[in-house]
């Protein structure tokens, strides 16, 4: 349990947010602390790399090129092309 002292402006803001969100003042404060903990970079509470990257996972489009298929085969072809290019030059 914690006690927090707020100036009158923050107190009014907290009261307004609680009313708008239909939450208790404690809930608003918990949400705010949780949000801050997850957005602070370098903070141990910021979550795993996966949690920080989750908003960006799956938003890129390869244009239907299916880049994750046959990656070993494609890599081998790329190496062979480079080897041939060096030999020809």
N, C-alpha and C. Protein backbone atom coordinates (compact mmCIF):
# COMPACT_ATOMS: atom_id res chain seq x y z
N UNK A 1 0.85 -1.18 0.00
CA UNK A 1 0.00 0.00 0.00
C UNK A 1 0.88 1.23 0.00
N UNK A 2 0.49 2.22 -0.77
CA UNK A 2 1.27 3.45 -0.88
C UNK A 2 0.34 4.65 -0.72
N UNK A 3 0.92 5.71 -0.24
CA UNK A 3 0.20 6.97 -0.14
C UNK A 3 0.87 7.95 -1.08
N UNK A 4 0.09 8.66 -1.85
CA UNK A 4 0.63 9.61 -2.82
C UNK A 4 0.05 10.98 -2.54
N UNK A 5 0.92 11.98 -2.48
CA UNK A 5 0.46 13.35 -2.30
C UNK A 5 0.50 14.04 -3.66
N UNK A 6 -0.59 14.65 -4.04
CA UNK A 6 -0.69 15.33 -5.33
C UNK A 6 -1.03 16.79 -5.11
N UNK A 7 -0.52 17.63 -6.02
CA UNK A 7 -0.91 19.04 -5.96
C UNK A 7 -2.35 19.14 -6.46
N UNK A 8 -3.01 20.25 -6.24
CA UNK A 8 -4.43 20.37 -6.60
C UNK A 8 -4.72 20.12 -8.08
N UNK A 9 -3.82 20.53 -8.95
CA UNK A 9 -4.05 20.32 -10.39
C UNK A 9 -4.02 18.83 -10.72
N UNK A 10 -3.01 18.11 -10.22
CA UNK A 10 -2.94 16.68 -10.47
C UNK A 10 -4.10 15.94 -9.81
N UNK A 11 -4.49 16.39 -8.64
CA UNK A 11 -5.63 15.78 -7.94
C UNK A 11 -6.89 15.90 -8.80
N UNK A 12 -7.12 17.08 -9.36
CA UNK A 12 -8.29 17.29 -10.22
C UNK A 12 -8.19 16.45 -11.49
N UNK A 13 -6.99 16.36 -12.05
CA UNK A 13 -6.78 15.54 -13.25
C UNK A 13 -7.07 14.08 -12.95
N UNK A 14 -6.59 13.60 -11.84
CA UNK A 14 -6.83 12.22 -11.44
C UNK A 14 -8.32 11.97 -11.27
N UNK A 15 -8.98 12.89 -10.62
CA UNK A 15 -10.43 12.75 -10.40
C UNK A 15 -11.18 12.71 -11.73
N UNK A 16 -10.80 13.61 -12.65
CA UNK A 16 -11.45 13.66 -13.97
C UNK A 16 -11.22 12.37 -14.75
N UNK A 17 -9.96 11.89 -14.75
CA UNK A 17 -9.64 10.65 -15.47
C UNK A 17 -10.42 9.47 -14.91
N UNK A 18 -10.49 9.39 -13.60
CA UNK A 18 -11.22 8.28 -12.97
C UNK A 18 -12.69 8.32 -13.38
N UNK A 19 -13.25 9.49 -13.39
CA UNK A 19 -14.66 9.62 -13.76
C UNK A 19 -14.88 9.28 -15.24
N UNK A 20 -14.01 9.82 -16.10
CA UNK A 20 -14.14 9.56 -17.54
C UNK A 20 -13.98 8.08 -17.87
N UNK A 21 -13.07 7.42 -17.18
CA UNK A 21 -12.77 6.02 -17.47
C UNK A 21 -13.66 5.05 -16.70
N UNK A 22 -14.42 5.56 -15.77
CA UNK A 22 -15.26 4.69 -14.96
C UNK A 22 -14.44 3.80 -14.05
N UNK A 23 -13.34 4.33 -13.56
CA UNK A 23 -12.43 3.58 -12.70
C UNK A 23 -12.27 4.30 -11.37
N UNK A 24 -11.69 3.58 -10.43
CA UNK A 24 -11.34 4.23 -9.18
C UNK A 24 -10.06 5.03 -9.40
N UNK A 25 -9.78 5.94 -8.50
CA UNK A 25 -8.54 6.70 -8.60
C UNK A 25 -7.33 5.77 -8.51
N UNK A 26 -7.42 4.75 -7.67
CA UNK A 26 -6.33 3.77 -7.54
C UNK A 26 -6.09 3.03 -8.85
N UNK A 27 -7.16 2.67 -9.54
CA UNK A 27 -7.03 1.98 -10.82
C UNK A 27 -6.32 2.86 -11.84
N UNK A 28 -6.69 4.14 -11.88
CA UNK A 28 -6.05 5.07 -12.81
C UNK A 28 -4.56 5.18 -12.49
N UNK A 29 -4.22 5.31 -11.22
CA UNK A 29 -2.81 5.40 -10.83
C UNK A 29 -2.05 4.12 -11.18
N UNK A 30 -2.66 2.95 -10.95
CA UNK A 30 -2.00 1.69 -11.31
C UNK A 30 -1.76 1.61 -12.82
N UNK A 31 -2.79 1.97 -13.60
CA UNK A 31 -2.65 1.96 -15.06
C UNK A 31 -1.53 2.90 -15.51
N UNK A 32 -1.47 4.08 -14.90
CA UNK A 32 -0.45 5.06 -15.28
C UNK A 32 0.94 4.54 -14.95
N UNK A 33 1.11 3.94 -13.79
CA UNK A 33 2.42 3.40 -13.40
C UNK A 33 2.81 2.24 -14.32
N UNK A 34 1.85 1.37 -14.62
CA UNK A 34 2.11 0.25 -15.52
C UNK A 34 2.53 0.75 -16.90
N UNK A 35 1.80 1.74 -17.42
CA UNK A 35 2.13 2.31 -18.73
C UNK A 35 3.53 2.91 -18.72
N UNK A 36 3.85 3.66 -17.71
CA UNK A 36 5.18 4.27 -17.60
C UNK A 36 6.27 3.21 -17.53
N UNK A 37 6.03 2.15 -16.77
CA UNK A 37 7.01 1.09 -16.65
C UNK A 37 7.27 0.40 -17.98
N UNK A 38 6.24 0.28 -18.81
CA UNK A 38 6.40 -0.40 -20.10
C UNK A 38 6.96 0.51 -21.19
N UNK A 39 6.92 1.80 -20.98
CA UNK A 39 7.41 2.71 -22.03
C UNK A 39 8.81 3.25 -21.74
N UNK A 40 9.28 3.11 -20.51
CA UNK A 40 10.61 3.60 -20.18
C UNK A 40 11.65 2.68 -20.81
N UNK A 41 12.47 3.22 -21.67
CA UNK A 41 13.52 2.40 -22.30
C UNK A 41 14.63 2.14 -21.29
N UNK A 42 15.17 0.95 -21.34
CA UNK A 42 16.24 0.57 -20.44
C UNK A 42 15.76 0.17 -19.07
N UNK A 43 14.50 0.30 -18.82
CA UNK A 43 13.96 -0.05 -17.51
C UNK A 43 13.79 -1.55 -17.43
N UNK A 44 14.20 -2.19 -16.33
CA UNK A 44 14.01 -3.63 -16.21
C UNK A 44 12.54 -4.02 -16.25
N UNK A 45 11.65 -3.08 -15.89
CA UNK A 45 10.23 -3.37 -15.92
C UNK A 45 9.64 -3.18 -17.31
N UNK A 46 10.46 -2.75 -18.27
CA UNK A 46 9.95 -2.44 -19.60
C UNK A 46 9.48 -3.67 -20.35
N UNK A 47 9.73 -4.85 -19.84
CA UNK A 47 9.27 -6.07 -20.48
C UNK A 47 10.32 -6.65 -21.41
N UNK A 48 10.01 -7.79 -21.96
CA UNK A 48 10.93 -8.48 -22.85
C UNK A 48 11.00 -7.77 -24.19
N UNK A 49 11.96 -8.16 -24.98
CA UNK A 49 12.08 -7.60 -26.33
C UNK A 49 10.81 -7.89 -27.12
N UNK A 50 10.28 -9.08 -26.93
CA UNK A 50 9.04 -9.44 -27.63
C UNK A 50 7.90 -8.50 -27.25
N UNK A 51 7.76 -8.19 -25.97
CA UNK A 51 6.70 -7.29 -25.54
C UNK A 51 6.88 -5.90 -26.13
N UNK A 52 8.13 -5.43 -26.22
CA UNK A 52 8.37 -4.10 -26.77
C UNK A 52 8.17 -4.07 -28.28
N UNK A 53 8.42 -5.18 -28.95
CA UNK A 53 8.29 -5.23 -30.42
C UNK A 53 6.90 -5.66 -30.89
N UNK A 54 6.09 -6.18 -29.98
CA UNK A 54 4.78 -6.72 -30.36
C UNK A 54 3.95 -5.78 -31.25
N UNK A 55 3.94 -4.46 -31.02
CA UNK A 55 3.13 -3.59 -31.89
C UNK A 55 3.58 -3.60 -33.35
N UNK A 56 4.84 -3.98 -33.61
CA UNK A 56 5.35 -3.94 -34.98
C UNK A 56 5.42 -5.30 -35.64
N UNK A 57 5.16 -6.36 -34.90
CA UNK A 57 5.24 -7.71 -35.47
C UNK A 57 4.06 -7.92 -36.41
N UNK A 58 4.39 -8.33 -37.62
CA UNK A 58 3.37 -8.65 -38.60
C UNK A 58 2.83 -7.48 -39.40
N UNK A 59 3.42 -6.29 -39.26
CA UNK A 59 2.88 -5.16 -40.01
C UNK A 59 3.54 -4.97 -41.37
N UNK A 60 4.67 -5.62 -41.60
CA UNK A 60 5.36 -5.49 -42.88
C UNK A 60 4.78 -6.49 -43.88
N UNK A 61 4.74 -6.09 -45.13
CA UNK A 61 4.22 -6.95 -46.18
C UNK A 61 5.32 -7.17 -47.21
N UNK A 62 5.55 -8.41 -47.56
CA UNK A 62 6.60 -8.73 -48.54
C UNK A 62 6.09 -8.63 -49.96
N UNK A 63 4.85 -8.22 -50.13
CA UNK A 63 4.30 -8.13 -51.47
C UNK A 63 4.01 -9.49 -52.06
N UNK A 64 3.79 -10.49 -51.22
CA UNK A 64 3.48 -11.83 -51.70
C UNK A 64 4.69 -12.63 -52.12
N UNK A 65 5.89 -12.16 -51.80
CA UNK A 65 7.11 -12.85 -52.24
C UNK A 65 7.45 -14.07 -51.40
N UNK A 66 6.75 -14.30 -50.30
CA UNK A 66 6.96 -15.47 -49.44
C UNK A 66 8.44 -15.65 -49.10
N UNK A 67 8.99 -14.62 -48.49
CA UNK A 67 10.43 -14.58 -48.23
C UNK A 67 10.90 -15.64 -47.24
N UNK A 68 10.03 -16.20 -46.45
CA UNK A 68 10.46 -17.18 -45.46
C UNK A 68 10.48 -18.60 -46.01
N UNK A 69 10.09 -18.78 -47.25
CA UNK A 69 10.09 -20.12 -47.83
C UNK A 69 11.41 -20.39 -48.52
N UNK A 70 11.90 -21.61 -48.40
CA UNK A 70 13.13 -22.06 -49.07
C UNK A 70 14.31 -21.12 -48.83
N UNK A 71 14.45 -20.63 -47.60
CA UNK A 71 15.54 -19.67 -47.34
C UNK A 71 16.91 -20.29 -47.54
N UNK A 72 17.08 -21.55 -47.14
CA UNK A 72 18.38 -22.21 -47.33
C UNK A 72 18.73 -22.32 -48.80
N UNK A 73 17.76 -22.69 -49.60
CA UNK A 73 17.98 -22.82 -51.05
C UNK A 73 18.31 -21.46 -51.67
N UNK A 74 17.58 -20.45 -51.27
CA UNK A 74 17.83 -19.11 -51.81
C UNK A 74 19.20 -18.59 -51.40
N UNK A 75 19.59 -18.86 -50.14
CA UNK A 75 20.90 -18.41 -49.67
C UNK A 75 22.01 -19.10 -50.45
N UNK A 76 21.86 -20.40 -50.68
CA UNK A 76 22.85 -21.15 -51.44
C UNK A 76 22.96 -20.58 -52.87
N UNK A 77 21.83 -20.27 -53.49
CA UNK A 77 21.86 -19.68 -54.83
C UNK A 77 22.59 -18.34 -54.84
N UNK A 78 22.34 -17.54 -53.83
CA UNK A 78 23.00 -16.24 -53.72
C UNK A 78 24.50 -16.41 -53.60
N UNK A 79 24.95 -17.34 -52.77
CA UNK A 79 26.39 -17.58 -52.62
C UNK A 79 27.01 -18.07 -53.93
N UNK A 80 26.29 -18.95 -54.62
CA UNK A 80 26.80 -19.45 -55.90
C UNK A 80 26.91 -18.32 -56.93
N UNK A 81 25.93 -17.44 -56.97
CA UNK A 81 25.97 -16.31 -57.90
C UNK A 81 27.15 -15.40 -57.58
N UNK A 82 27.39 -15.14 -56.33
CA UNK A 82 28.53 -14.29 -55.95
C UNK A 82 29.85 -14.94 -56.30
N UNK A 83 29.93 -16.27 -56.07
CA UNK A 83 31.16 -16.98 -56.40
C UNK A 83 31.42 -16.91 -57.90
N UNK A 84 30.38 -17.11 -58.71
CA UNK A 84 30.54 -17.05 -60.18
C UNK A 84 30.92 -15.65 -60.62
N UNK A 85 30.33 -14.62 -59.99
CA UNK A 85 30.63 -13.24 -60.37
C UNK A 85 32.10 -12.91 -60.08
N UNK A 86 32.63 -13.42 -58.96
CA UNK A 86 34.04 -13.17 -58.63
C UNK A 86 34.96 -13.90 -59.59
N UNK A 87 34.57 -15.10 -60.00
CA UNK A 87 35.38 -15.88 -60.90
C UNK A 87 35.41 -15.30 -62.31
N UNK A 88 34.33 -14.62 -62.72
CA UNK A 88 34.21 -14.08 -64.06
C UNK A 88 34.95 -12.76 -64.18
N UNK A 89 35.19 -12.07 -63.08
CA UNK A 89 35.77 -10.73 -63.09
C UNK A 89 37.20 -10.78 -63.07
